[in-house]
C-alpha atoms as a PDB file:
ATOM      1  CA  UNK A   1      13.228 -18.830  11.453  1.00  0.00           C
ATOM      2  CA  UNK A   2      10.023 -20.537  12.482  1.00  0.00           C
ATOM      3  CA  UNK A   3       6.472 -19.604  11.633  1.00  0.00           C
ATOM      4  CA  UNK A   4       3.199 -20.485  13.291  1.00  0.00           C
ATOM      5  CA  UNK A   5      -0.346 -20.027  12.086  1.00  0.00           C
ATOM      6  CA  UNK A   6      -3.177 -19.016  14.384  1.00  0.00           C
ATOM      7  CA  UNK A   7      -5.391 -22.002  15.103  1.00  0.00           C
ATOM      8  CA  UNK A   8      -9.139 -21.592  14.682  1.00  0.00           C
ATOM      9  CA  UNK A   9     -10.032 -24.503  16.964  1.00  0.00           C
ATOM     10  CA  UNK A  10     -12.362 -23.547  19.763  1.00  0.00           C
ATOM     11  CA  UNK A  11     -13.050 -20.096  18.370  1.00  0.00           C
ATOM     12  CA  UNK A  12     -16.486 -18.647  18.932  1.00  0.00           C
ATOM     13  CA  UNK A  13     -17.353 -17.268  15.513  1.00  0.00           C
ATOM     14  CA  UNK A  14     -20.206 -15.130  16.811  1.00  0.00           C
ATOM     15  CA  UNK A  15     -17.961 -12.249  17.906  1.00  0.00           C
ATOM     16  CA  UNK A  16     -18.549  -8.852  16.383  1.00  0.00           C
ATOM     17  CA  UNK A  17     -15.890  -6.931  14.544  1.00  0.00           C
ATOM     18  CA  UNK A  18     -13.785  -4.902  16.956  1.00  0.00           C
ATOM     19  CA  UNK A  19     -10.735  -2.655  17.057  1.00  0.00           C
ATOM     20  CA  UNK A  20      -7.443  -3.660  18.680  1.00  0.00           C
ATOM     21  CA  UNK A  21      -5.215  -0.747  19.654  1.00  0.00           C
ATOM     22  CA  UNK A  22      -1.508  -0.863  20.534  1.00  0.00           C
ATOM     23  CA  UNK A  23      -0.308   2.427  22.073  1.00  0.00           C
ATOM     24  CA  UNK A  24       3.475   2.472  22.308  1.00  0.00           C
ATOM     25  CA  UNK A  25       6.033   5.122  23.102  1.00  0.00           C
ATOM     26  CA  UNK A  26       6.522   6.047  19.446  1.00  0.00           C
ATOM     27  CA  UNK A  27       3.386   5.036  17.585  1.00  0.00           C
ATOM     28  CA  UNK A  28      -0.234   4.181  18.264  1.00  0.00           C
ATOM     29  CA  UNK A  29      -1.429   1.451  15.921  1.00  0.00           C
ATOM     30  CA  UNK A  30      -4.762  -0.210  15.441  1.00  0.00           C
ATOM     31  CA  UNK A  31      -6.433  -2.868  13.329  1.00  0.00           C
ATOM     32  CA  UNK A  32      -9.930  -4.306  12.976  1.00  0.00           C
ATOM     33  CA  UNK A  33     -10.724  -8.001  13.262  1.00  0.00           C
ATOM     34  CA  UNK A  34     -13.773  -9.396  11.537  1.00  0.00           C
ATOM     35  CA  UNK A  35     -16.515 -11.053  13.510  1.00  0.00           C
ATOM     36  CA  UNK A  36     -16.429 -14.347  11.646  1.00  0.00           C
ATOM     37  CA  UNK A  37     -12.908 -15.699  11.970  1.00  0.00           C
ATOM     38  CA  UNK A  38     -10.917 -13.185  14.013  1.00  0.00           C
ATOM     39  CA  UNK A  39      -8.849 -12.272  10.973  1.00  0.00           C
ATOM     40  CA  UNK A  40      -6.957  -8.993  10.953  1.00  0.00           C
ATOM     41  CA  UNK A  41      -8.298  -6.748   8.202  1.00  0.00           C
ATOM     42  CA  UNK A  42      -5.132  -5.265   6.712  1.00  0.00           C
ATOM     43  CA  UNK A  43      -7.031  -2.462   4.986  1.00  0.00           C
ATOM     44  CA  UNK A  44      -8.109  -1.199   8.411  1.00  0.00           C
ATOM     45  CA  UNK A  45      -4.580  -0.673   9.764  1.00  0.00           C
ATOM     46  CA  UNK A  46      -3.775   2.874  10.846  1.00  0.00           C
ATOM     47  CA  UNK A  47      -1.113   4.648  12.877  1.00  0.00           C
ATOM     48  CA  UNK A  48      -0.976   7.835  14.922  1.00  0.00           C
ATOM     49  CA  UNK A  49       2.221   9.483  16.265  1.00  0.00           C
ATOM     50  CA  UNK A  50       2.271   9.144  20.046  1.00  0.00           C
ATOM     51  CA  UNK A  51       3.951  12.543  20.424  1.00  0.00           C
ATOM     52  CA  UNK A  52       0.863  14.164  18.888  1.00  0.00           C
ATOM     53  CA  UNK A  53      -1.024  13.390  22.096  1.00  0.00           C
ATOM     54  CA  UNK A  54       0.967  16.217  23.671  1.00  0.00           C
ATOM     55  CA  UNK A  55      -0.792  18.724  21.449  1.00  0.00           C
ATOM     56  CA  UNK A  56      -3.969  20.403  22.657  1.00  0.00           C
ATOM     57  CA  UNK A  57      -6.170  18.508  20.209  1.00  0.00           C
ATOM     58  CA  UNK A  58      -4.164  15.278  20.252  1.00  0.00           C
ATOM     59  CA  UNK A  59      -6.686  13.015  21.956  1.00  0.00           C
ATOM     60  CA  UNK A  60      -9.514  14.567  19.928  1.00  0.00           C
ATOM     61  CA  UNK A  61      -7.728  13.796  16.672  1.00  0.00           C
ATOM     62  CA  UNK A  62      -7.017  10.245  17.749  1.00  0.00           C
ATOM     63  CA  UNK A  63     -10.625   9.736  18.834  1.00  0.00           C
ATOM     64  CA  UNK A  64     -11.899  11.105  15.540  1.00  0.00           C
ATOM     65  CA  UNK A  65      -9.813   8.631  13.553  1.00  0.00           C
ATOM     66  CA  UNK A  66     -10.907   5.741  15.748  1.00  0.00           C
ATOM     67  CA  UNK A  67     -14.542   6.819  15.445  1.00  0.00           C
ATOM     68  CA  UNK A  68     -14.215   6.781  11.665  1.00  0.00           C
ATOM     69  CA  UNK A  69     -12.765   3.284  11.799  1.00  0.00           C
ATOM     70  CA  UNK A  70     -15.559   2.101  14.097  1.00  0.00           C
ATOM     71  CA  UNK A  71     -18.229   3.537  11.823  1.00  0.00           C
ATOM     72  CA  UNK A  72     -16.712   2.118   8.649  1.00  0.00           C
ATOM     73  CA  UNK A  73     -16.367  -1.405  10.034  1.00  0.00           C
ATOM     74  CA  UNK A  74     -19.382  -1.353  12.361  1.00  0.00           C
ATOM     75  CA  UNK A  75     -17.311  -1.887  15.524  1.00  0.00           C
ATOM     76  CA  UNK A  76     -18.672  -1.470  19.030  1.00  0.00           C
ATOM     77  CA  UNK A  77     -15.652  -2.590  21.063  1.00  0.00           C
ATOM     78  CA  UNK A  78     -12.125  -1.264  21.363  1.00  0.00           C
ATOM     79  CA  UNK A  79      -9.495  -3.419  23.095  1.00  0.00           C
ATOM     80  CA  UNK A  80      -6.525  -1.399  24.311  1.00  0.00           C
ATOM     81  CA  UNK A  81      -2.951  -2.193  25.291  1.00  0.00           C
ATOM     82  CA  UNK A  82      -0.728   0.760  26.172  1.00  0.00           C
ATOM     83  CA  UNK A  83       2.443   1.859  27.952  1.00  0.00           C
ATOM     84  CA  UNK A  84       1.474   5.526  28.230  1.00  0.00           C
ATOM     85  CA  UNK A  85       0.690   5.977  31.904  1.00  0.00           C
ATOM     86  CA  UNK A  86      -2.326   5.657  34.142  1.00  0.00           C
ATOM     87  CA  UNK A  87      -4.351   8.494  32.587  1.00  0.00           C
ATOM     88  CA  UNK A  88      -4.203   7.364  28.950  1.00  0.00           C
ATOM     89  CA  UNK A  89      -7.147   4.967  29.078  1.00  0.00           C
ATOM     90  CA  UNK A  90      -9.441   7.497  30.792  1.00  0.00           C
ATOM     91  CA  UNK A  91      -8.416  10.341  28.459  1.00  0.00           C
ATOM     92  CA  UNK A  92      -9.036   8.204  25.397  1.00  0.00           C
ATOM     93  CA  UNK A  93     -12.401   7.057  26.733  1.00  0.00           C
ATOM     94  CA  UNK A  94     -13.452  10.666  27.415  1.00  0.00           C
ATOM     95  CA  UNK A  95     -12.416  11.788  23.928  1.00  0.00           C
ATOM     96  CA  UNK A  96     -14.336   8.940  22.312  1.00  0.00           C
ATOM     97  CA  UNK A  97     -17.413   9.795  24.375  1.00  0.00           C
ATOM     98  CA  UNK A  98     -17.289  13.361  23.063  1.00  0.00           C
ATOM     99  CA  UNK A  99     -17.097  12.009  19.515  1.00  0.00           C
ATOM    100  CA  UNK A 100     -20.093   9.746  20.212  1.00  0.00           C
ATOM    101  CA  UNK A 101     -18.076   6.879  18.754  1.00  0.00           C
ATOM    102  CA  UNK A 102     -20.251   4.200  20.343  1.00  0.00           C
ATOM    103  CA  UNK A 103     -17.192   2.234  21.425  1.00  0.00           C
ATOM    104  CA  UNK A 104     -16.846   0.286  24.658  1.00  0.00           C
ATOM    105  CA  UNK A 105     -13.222   0.312  25.823  1.00  0.00           C
ATOM    106  CA  UNK A 106     -11.765  -2.850  27.263  1.00  0.00           C
ATOM    107  CA  UNK A 107      -8.279  -3.878  28.332  1.00  0.00           C
ATOM    108  CA  UNK A 108      -6.611  -7.055  29.608  1.00  0.00           C
ATOM    109  CA  UNK A 109      -6.008  -7.055  33.356  1.00  0.00           C
ATOM    110  CA  UNK A 110      -2.423  -8.045  34.026  1.00  0.00           C
ATOM    111  CA  UNK A 111      -2.241 -11.177  36.139  1.00  0.00           C
ATOM    112  CA  UNK A 112      -5.811 -12.207  35.426  1.00  0.00           C
ATOM    113  CA  UNK A 113      -6.231 -14.875  32.752  1.00  0.00           C
ATOM    114  CA  UNK A 114      -7.364 -18.472  33.094  1.00  0.00           C
ATOM    115  CA  UNK A 115      -4.451 -19.745  30.990  1.00  0.00           C
ATOM    116  CA  UNK A 116      -1.631 -17.595  32.354  1.00  0.00           C
ATOM    117  CA  UNK A 117      -0.262 -16.941  35.833  1.00  0.00           C
ATOM    118  CA  UNK A 118       2.631 -14.689  36.767  1.00  0.00           C
ATOM    119  CA  UNK A 119       5.279 -14.950  39.453  1.00  0.00           C
ATOM    120  CA  UNK A 120       5.472 -11.151  39.682  1.00  0.00           C
ATOM    121  CA  UNK A 121       5.164 -10.144  43.331  1.00  0.00           C
ATOM    122  CA  UNK A 122       2.861  -7.297  42.298  1.00  0.00           C
ATOM    123  CA  UNK A 123       1.207  -8.001  38.922  1.00  0.00           C
ATOM    124  CA  UNK A 124       0.048  -4.390  38.658  1.00  0.00           C
ATOM    125  CA  UNK A 125       3.714  -3.443  38.193  1.00  0.00           C
ATOM    126  CA  UNK A 126       4.151  -5.780  35.218  1.00  0.00           C
ATOM    127  CA  UNK A 127       3.864  -3.856  31.955  1.00  0.00           C
ATOM    128  CA  UNK A 128       0.656  -4.517  30.083  1.00  0.00           C
ATOM    129  CA  UNK A 129       2.607  -4.825  26.821  1.00  0.00           C
ATOM    130  CA  UNK A 130       4.771  -7.608  28.264  1.00  0.00           C
ATOM    131  CA  UNK A 131       1.731  -9.467  29.589  1.00  0.00           C
ATOM    132  CA  UNK A 132      -0.126  -9.169  26.298  1.00  0.00           C
ATOM    133  CA  UNK A 133       2.897 -10.397  24.306  1.00  0.00           C
ATOM    134  CA  UNK A 134       2.958 -13.510  26.499  1.00  0.00           C
ATOM    135  CA  UNK A 135      -0.757 -13.992  25.838  1.00  0.00           C
ATOM    136  CA  UNK A 136      -0.006 -13.728  22.115  1.00  0.00           C
ATOM    137  CA  UNK A 137       2.398 -16.654  22.359  1.00  0.00           C
ATOM    138  CA  UNK A 138      -0.203 -18.676  24.250  1.00  0.00           C
ATOM    139  CA  UNK A 139      -2.807 -17.945  21.608  1.00  0.00           C
ATOM    140  CA  UNK A 140      -0.487 -19.012  18.831  1.00  0.00           C
ATOM    141  CA  UNK A 141       0.605 -22.235  20.547  1.00  0.00           C
ATOM    142  CA  UNK A 142      -2.511 -23.344  22.398  1.00  0.00           C
ATOM    143  CA  UNK A 143      -2.709 -26.607  20.429  1.00  0.00           C
ATOM    144  CA  UNK A 144       1.023 -27.178  20.156  1.00  0.00           C
ATOM    145  CA  UNK A 145       3.057 -29.666  22.168  1.00  0.00           C
ATOM    146  CA  UNK A 146       6.353 -28.077  21.133  1.00  0.00           C
ATOM    147  CA  UNK A 147       6.231 -24.749  22.960  1.00  0.00           C
ATOM    148  CA  UNK A 148       6.524 -25.582  26.630  1.00  0.00           C
ATOM    149  CA  UNK A 149       9.463 -23.198  27.181  1.00  0.00           C
ATOM    150  CA  UNK A 150       9.390 -19.766  25.586  1.00  0.00           C
ATOM    151  CA  UNK A 151      11.448 -16.605  25.680  1.00  0.00           C
ATOM    152  CA  UNK A 152       9.489 -13.534  24.550  1.00  0.00           C
ATOM    153  CA  UNK A 153      11.644 -10.603  23.438  1.00  0.00           C
ATOM    154  CA  UNK A 154      10.514  -7.107  22.519  1.00  0.00           C
ATOM    155  CA  UNK A 155      13.120  -4.915  20.840  1.00  0.00           C
ATOM    156  CA  UNK A 156      11.400  -1.569  21.380  1.00  0.00           C
ATOM    157  CA  UNK A 157      12.274   1.701  23.093  1.00  0.00           C
ATOM    158  CA  UNK A 158      13.311  -0.596  25.914  1.00  0.00           C
ATOM    159  CA  UNK A 159      14.269  -4.210  25.337  1.00  0.00           C
ATOM    160  CA  UNK A 160      12.253  -6.643  27.426  1.00  0.00           C
ATOM    161  CA  UNK A 161      12.870 -10.374  27.796  1.00  0.00           C
ATOM    162  CA  UNK A 162      10.288 -12.595  29.494  1.00  0.00           C
ATOM    163  CA  UNK A 163      10.187 -16.288  30.365  1.00  0.00           C
ATOM    164  CA  UNK A 164       6.963 -18.167  29.659  1.00  0.00           C
ATOM    165  CA  UNK A 165       6.686 -21.858  30.536  1.00  0.00           C
ATOM    166  CA  UNK A 166       3.977 -24.493  30.546  1.00  0.00           C
ATOM    167  CA  UNK A 167       4.417 -26.869  33.455  1.00  0.00           C
ATOM    168  CA  UNK A 168       1.812 -29.426  32.381  1.00  0.00           C
ATOM    169  CA  UNK A 169       0.470 -30.717  29.087  1.00  0.00           C
ATOM    170  CA  UNK A 170      -1.118 -28.769  26.234  1.00  0.00           C
ATOM    171  CA  UNK A 171      -4.229 -27.068  27.551  1.00  0.00           C
ATOM    172  CA  UNK A 172      -2.800 -26.446  31.017  1.00  0.00           C
ATOM    173  CA  UNK A 173      -2.110 -22.960  32.301  1.00  0.00           C
ATOM    174  CA  UNK A 174       1.327 -21.450  31.683  1.00  0.00           C
ATOM    175  CA  UNK A 175       3.460 -19.363  34.034  1.00  0.00           C
ATOM    176  CA  UNK A 176       5.237 -16.082  33.418  1.00  0.00           C
ATOM    177  CA  UNK A 177       8.396 -16.684  35.449  1.00  0.00           C
ATOM    178  CA  UNK A 178       9.617 -13.101  35.214  1.00  0.00           C
ATOM    179  CA  UNK A 179      11.848 -11.089  32.937  1.00  0.00           C
ATOM    180  CA  UNK A 180      14.318  -8.267  32.460  1.00  0.00           C
ATOM    181  CA  UNK A 181      14.222  -4.733  31.083  1.00  0.00           C
ATOM    182  CA  UNK A 182      17.185  -2.798  29.724  1.00  0.00           C
ATOM    183  CA  UNK A 183      17.746   0.119  27.327  1.00  0.00           C
ATOM    184  CA  UNK A 184      16.779  -0.531  23.737  1.00  0.00           C
ATOM    185  CA  UNK A 185      18.797   0.011  20.586  1.00  0.00           C
ATOM    186  CA  UNK A 186      18.212   3.739  20.183  1.00  0.00           C
ATOM    187  CA  UNK A 187      18.579   4.455  23.894  1.00  0.00           C
ATOM    188  CA  UNK A 188      21.995   2.809  23.917  1.00  0.00           C
ATOM    189  CA  UNK A 189      23.148   4.619  20.787  1.00  0.00           C
ATOM    190  CA  UNK A 190      21.757   7.989  21.895  1.00  0.00           C
ATOM    191  CA  UNK A 191      23.202   7.589  25.387  1.00  0.00           C
ATOM    192  CA  UNK A 192      26.713   7.100  24.055  1.00  0.00           C
ATOM    193  CA  UNK A 193      26.339   9.956  21.608  1.00  0.00           C
ATOM    194  CA  UNK A 194      24.831  12.497  24.014  1.00  0.00           C
ATOM    195  CA  UNK A 195      26.838  11.725  27.114  1.00  0.00           C
ATOM    196  CA  UNK A 196      30.301  11.647  25.625  1.00  0.00           C
ATOM    197  CA  UNK A 197      32.306  14.435  24.048  1.00  0.00           C
ATOM    198  CA  UNK A 198      33.469  12.748  20.884  1.00  0.00           C
ATOM    199  CA  UNK A 199      31.538   9.560  20.174  1.00  0.00           C
ATOM    200  CA  UNK A 200      29.442   9.763  16.982  1.00  0.00           C
ATOM    201  CA  UNK A 201      25.869   8.548  16.459  1.00  0.00           C
ATOM    202  CA  UNK A 202      26.654   5.181  14.911  1.00  0.00           C
ATOM    203  CA  UNK A 203      24.905   3.485  12.015  1.00  0.00           C
ATOM    204  CA  UNK A 204      24.136  -0.218  12.282  1.00  0.00           C
ATOM    205  CA  UNK A 205      27.027  -2.454  11.347  1.00  0.00           C
ATOM    206  CA  UNK A 206      28.781  -5.356  13.007  1.00  0.00           C
ATOM    207  CA  UNK A 207      32.367  -6.543  13.127  1.00  0.00           C
ATOM    208  CA  UNK A 208      33.811  -9.163  15.425  1.00  0.00           C
ATOM    209  CA  UNK A 209      36.837  -6.929  16.021  1.00  0.00           C
ATOM    210  CA  UNK A 210      35.829  -3.370  15.051  1.00  0.00           C
ATOM    211  CA  UNK A 211      38.518  -1.146  13.560  1.00  0.00           C
ATOM    212  CA  UNK A 212      36.670   2.179  13.686  1.00  0.00           C
ATOM    213  CA  UNK A 213      34.946   4.065  16.481  1.00  0.00           C
ATOM    214  CA  UNK A 214      31.561   4.015  14.738  1.00  0.00           C
ATOM    215  CA  UNK A 215      31.792   0.262  14.182  1.00  0.00           C
ATOM    216  CA  UNK A 216      32.956  -0.209  17.769  1.00  0.00           C
ATOM    217  CA  UNK A 217      29.819   1.554  19.045  1.00  0.00           C
ATOM    218  CA  UNK A 218      27.383  -0.252  16.734  1.00  0.00           C
ATOM    219  CA  UNK A 219      29.001  -3.640  17.250  1.00  0.00           C
ATOM    220  CA  UNK A 220      29.061  -3.140  21.004  1.00  0.00           C
ATOM    221  CA  UNK A 221      25.390  -2.234  21.151  1.00  0.00           C
ATOM    222  CA  UNK A 222      24.425  -5.202  18.979  1.00  0.00           C
ATOM    223  CA  UNK A 223      26.507  -7.521  21.162  1.00  0.00           C
ATOM    224  CA  UNK A 224      24.916  -6.099  24.291  1.00  0.00           C
ATOM    225  CA  UNK A 225      21.386  -6.669  22.985  1.00  0.00           C
ATOM    226  CA  UNK A 226      21.913 -10.220  21.761  1.00  0.00           C
ATOM    227  CA  UNK A 227      24.238 -11.276  24.594  1.00  0.00           C
ATOM    228  CA  UNK A 228      21.527 -10.418  27.112  1.00  0.00           C
ATOM    229  CA  UNK A 229      18.999 -12.476  25.175  1.00  0.00           C
ATOM    230  CA  UNK A 230      21.406 -15.392  24.778  1.00  0.00           C
ATOM    231  CA  UNK A 231      22.146 -15.427  28.493  1.00  0.00           C
ATOM    232  CA  UNK A 232      18.451 -15.411  29.337  1.00  0.00           C
ATOM    233  CA  UNK A 233      17.748 -18.285  26.929  1.00  0.00           C
ATOM    234  CA  UNK A 234      20.697 -20.256  28.276  1.00  0.00           C
ATOM    235  CA  UNK A 235      19.503 -19.864  31.869  1.00  0.00           C
ATOM    236  CA  UNK A 236      15.936 -20.805  30.944  1.00  0.00           C
ATOM    237  CA  UNK A 237      17.060 -23.949  29.122  1.00  0.00           C
ATOM    238  CA  UNK A 238      19.335 -24.974  31.984  1.00  0.00           C
ATOM    239  CA  UNK A 239      16.509 -24.546  34.494  1.00  0.00           C
ATOM    240  CA  UNK A 240      13.923 -26.412  32.434  1.00  0.00           C
ATOM    241  CA  UNK A 241      16.223 -28.913  30.712  1.00  0.00           C
ATOM    242  CA  UNK A 242      14.279 -28.216  27.513  1.00  0.00           C
ATOM    243  CA  UNK A 243      14.915 -26.330  24.299  1.00  0.00           C
ATOM    244  CA  UNK A 244      13.577 -22.797  24.373  1.00  0.00           C
ATOM    245  CA  UNK A 245      11.607 -21.203  21.581  1.00  0.00           C
ATOM    246  CA  UNK A 246      12.582 -17.565  21.031  1.00  0.00           C
ATOM    247  CA  UNK A 247       9.799 -15.150  20.055  1.00  0.00           C
ATOM    248  CA  UNK A 248      10.990 -11.760  18.798  1.00  0.00           C
ATOM    249  CA  UNK A 249       8.954  -8.638  18.090  1.00  0.00           C
ATOM    250  CA  UNK A 250       9.135  -4.859  18.446  1.00  0.00           C
ATOM    251  CA  UNK A 251      10.046  -1.821  16.396  1.00  0.00           C
ATOM    252  CA  UNK A 252      13.780  -2.624  16.291  1.00  0.00           C
ATOM    253  CA  UNK A 253      13.334  -6.341  15.649  1.00  0.00           C
ATOM    254  CA  UNK A 254      14.069  -6.247  11.927  1.00  0.00           C
ATOM    255  CA  UNK A 255      17.230  -4.203  12.470  1.00  0.00           C
ATOM    256  CA  UNK A 256      18.598  -6.544  15.111  1.00  0.00           C
ATOM    257  CA  UNK A 257      17.521  -9.752  13.397  1.00  0.00           C
ATOM    258  CA  UNK A 258      20.013  -8.925  10.665  1.00  0.00           C
ATOM    259  CA  UNK A 259      22.683  -9.666  13.284  1.00  0.00           C
ATOM    260  CA  UNK A 260      21.043 -12.729  14.875  1.00  0.00           C
ATOM    261  CA  UNK A 261      23.662 -15.025  16.473  1.00  0.00           C
ATOM    262  CA  UNK A 262      23.906 -18.411  14.774  1.00  0.00           C
ATOM    263  CA  UNK A 263      23.195 -20.219  18.036  1.00  0.00           C
ATOM    264  CA  UNK A 264      19.779 -18.589  18.328  1.00  0.00           C
ATOM    265  CA  UNK A 265      18.670 -19.011  14.726  1.00  0.00           C
ATOM    266  CA  UNK A 266      17.095 -22.504  15.113  1.00  0.00           C
ATOM    267  CA  UNK A 267      15.067 -21.312  18.105  1.00  0.00           C
ATOM    268  CA  UNK A 268      13.648 -18.170  16.484  1.00  0.00           C
ATOM    269  CA  UNK A 269      10.024 -17.387  15.680  1.00  0.00           C
ATOM    270  CA  UNK A 270       9.318 -13.908  14.317  1.00  0.00           C
ATOM    271  CA  UNK A 271       6.295 -12.682  16.255  1.00  0.00           C
ATOM    272  CA  UNK A 272       4.403 -10.240  14.057  1.00  0.00           C
ATOM    273  CA  UNK A 273       1.573  -8.156  15.530  1.00  0.00           C
ATOM    274  CA  UNK A 274       2.338  -9.371  19.044  1.00  0.00           C
ATOM    275  CA  UNK A 275      -0.012  -6.977  20.817  1.00  0.00           C
ATOM    276  CA  UNK A 276      -2.844  -7.569  18.365  1.00  0.00           C
ATOM    277  CA  UNK A 277      -2.529 -11.341  18.778  1.00  0.00           C
ATOM    278  CA  UNK A 278      -2.468 -10.943  22.552  1.00  0.00           C
ATOM    279  CA  UNK A 279      -5.540  -8.726  22.568  1.00  0.00           C
ATOM    280  CA  UNK A 280      -7.366 -11.193  20.357  1.00  0.00           C
ATOM    281  CA  UNK A 281      -6.560 -14.009  22.791  1.00  0.00           C
ATOM    282  CA  UNK A 282      -7.750 -11.828  25.680  1.00  0.00           C
ATOM    283  CA  UNK A 283     -11.009 -11.103  23.897  1.00  0.00           C
ATOM    284  CA  UNK A 284     -11.635 -14.776  23.244  1.00  0.00           C
ATOM    285  CA  UNK A 285     -10.924 -15.631  26.882  1.00  0.00           C
ATOM    286  CA  UNK A 286     -13.292 -12.920  28.056  1.00  0.00           C
ATOM    287  CA  UNK A 287     -16.055 -14.207  25.805  1.00  0.00           C
ATOM    288  CA  UNK A 288     -16.633 -10.666  24.571  1.00  0.00           C
END
């Protein structure tokens, strides 16, 4: 498994501390970065259950917690990445205004970044989380000559696999070629359990030739997840004639990495805090 450190070259150290927020289908997470070196302040990390937004006071409670974070760390900006529908940003902004949080909300615009283009026919239909994860990879490799071909995988509620390539030398813009979306780990397991009369809800295990129904389900789902990724990597390497680096993140990443195919192991980089890294790169590019 590979590791990469965030480079500080070219960073404008005059930025203020700000909050980065990642609103997913299960959890809403946020962290503060300091204004000196863009470091994530681990003590600032908080989470909020996404399902609580369905309650009458859900957005108020979220805004109150964010306002407390902003006050404690003297933040004036909140960068947001979310997958929660078109109204989420406006509802959050309104709730923060009522709390007088003093936060300016900002978000990356999909398809608009000086260092990343997309082949999507309609960039507004490309998920913001996928775009931001690609920006994270760019931010982590901006001074590297070894990451021209990248496969970015999120093992979340859905599994997404995206191709990110640099067609020139280091410092040139990269291209998001496209990607695929298919049901994630839990969706596959739940679908088999709920839509069949006798299949159990399987626990994670893997056998090459399963000898029990539960193992057959778990092993099949694991094969399905990794086989899709392997096929995508294989196609990307054949098209580019280069070795692909595989970036993996998401809520189910640790579970599935326990069953990583040997062929993919040398290519792997565990991408921690993908959305936060992507938002940080967006902020730097915006000069905010």
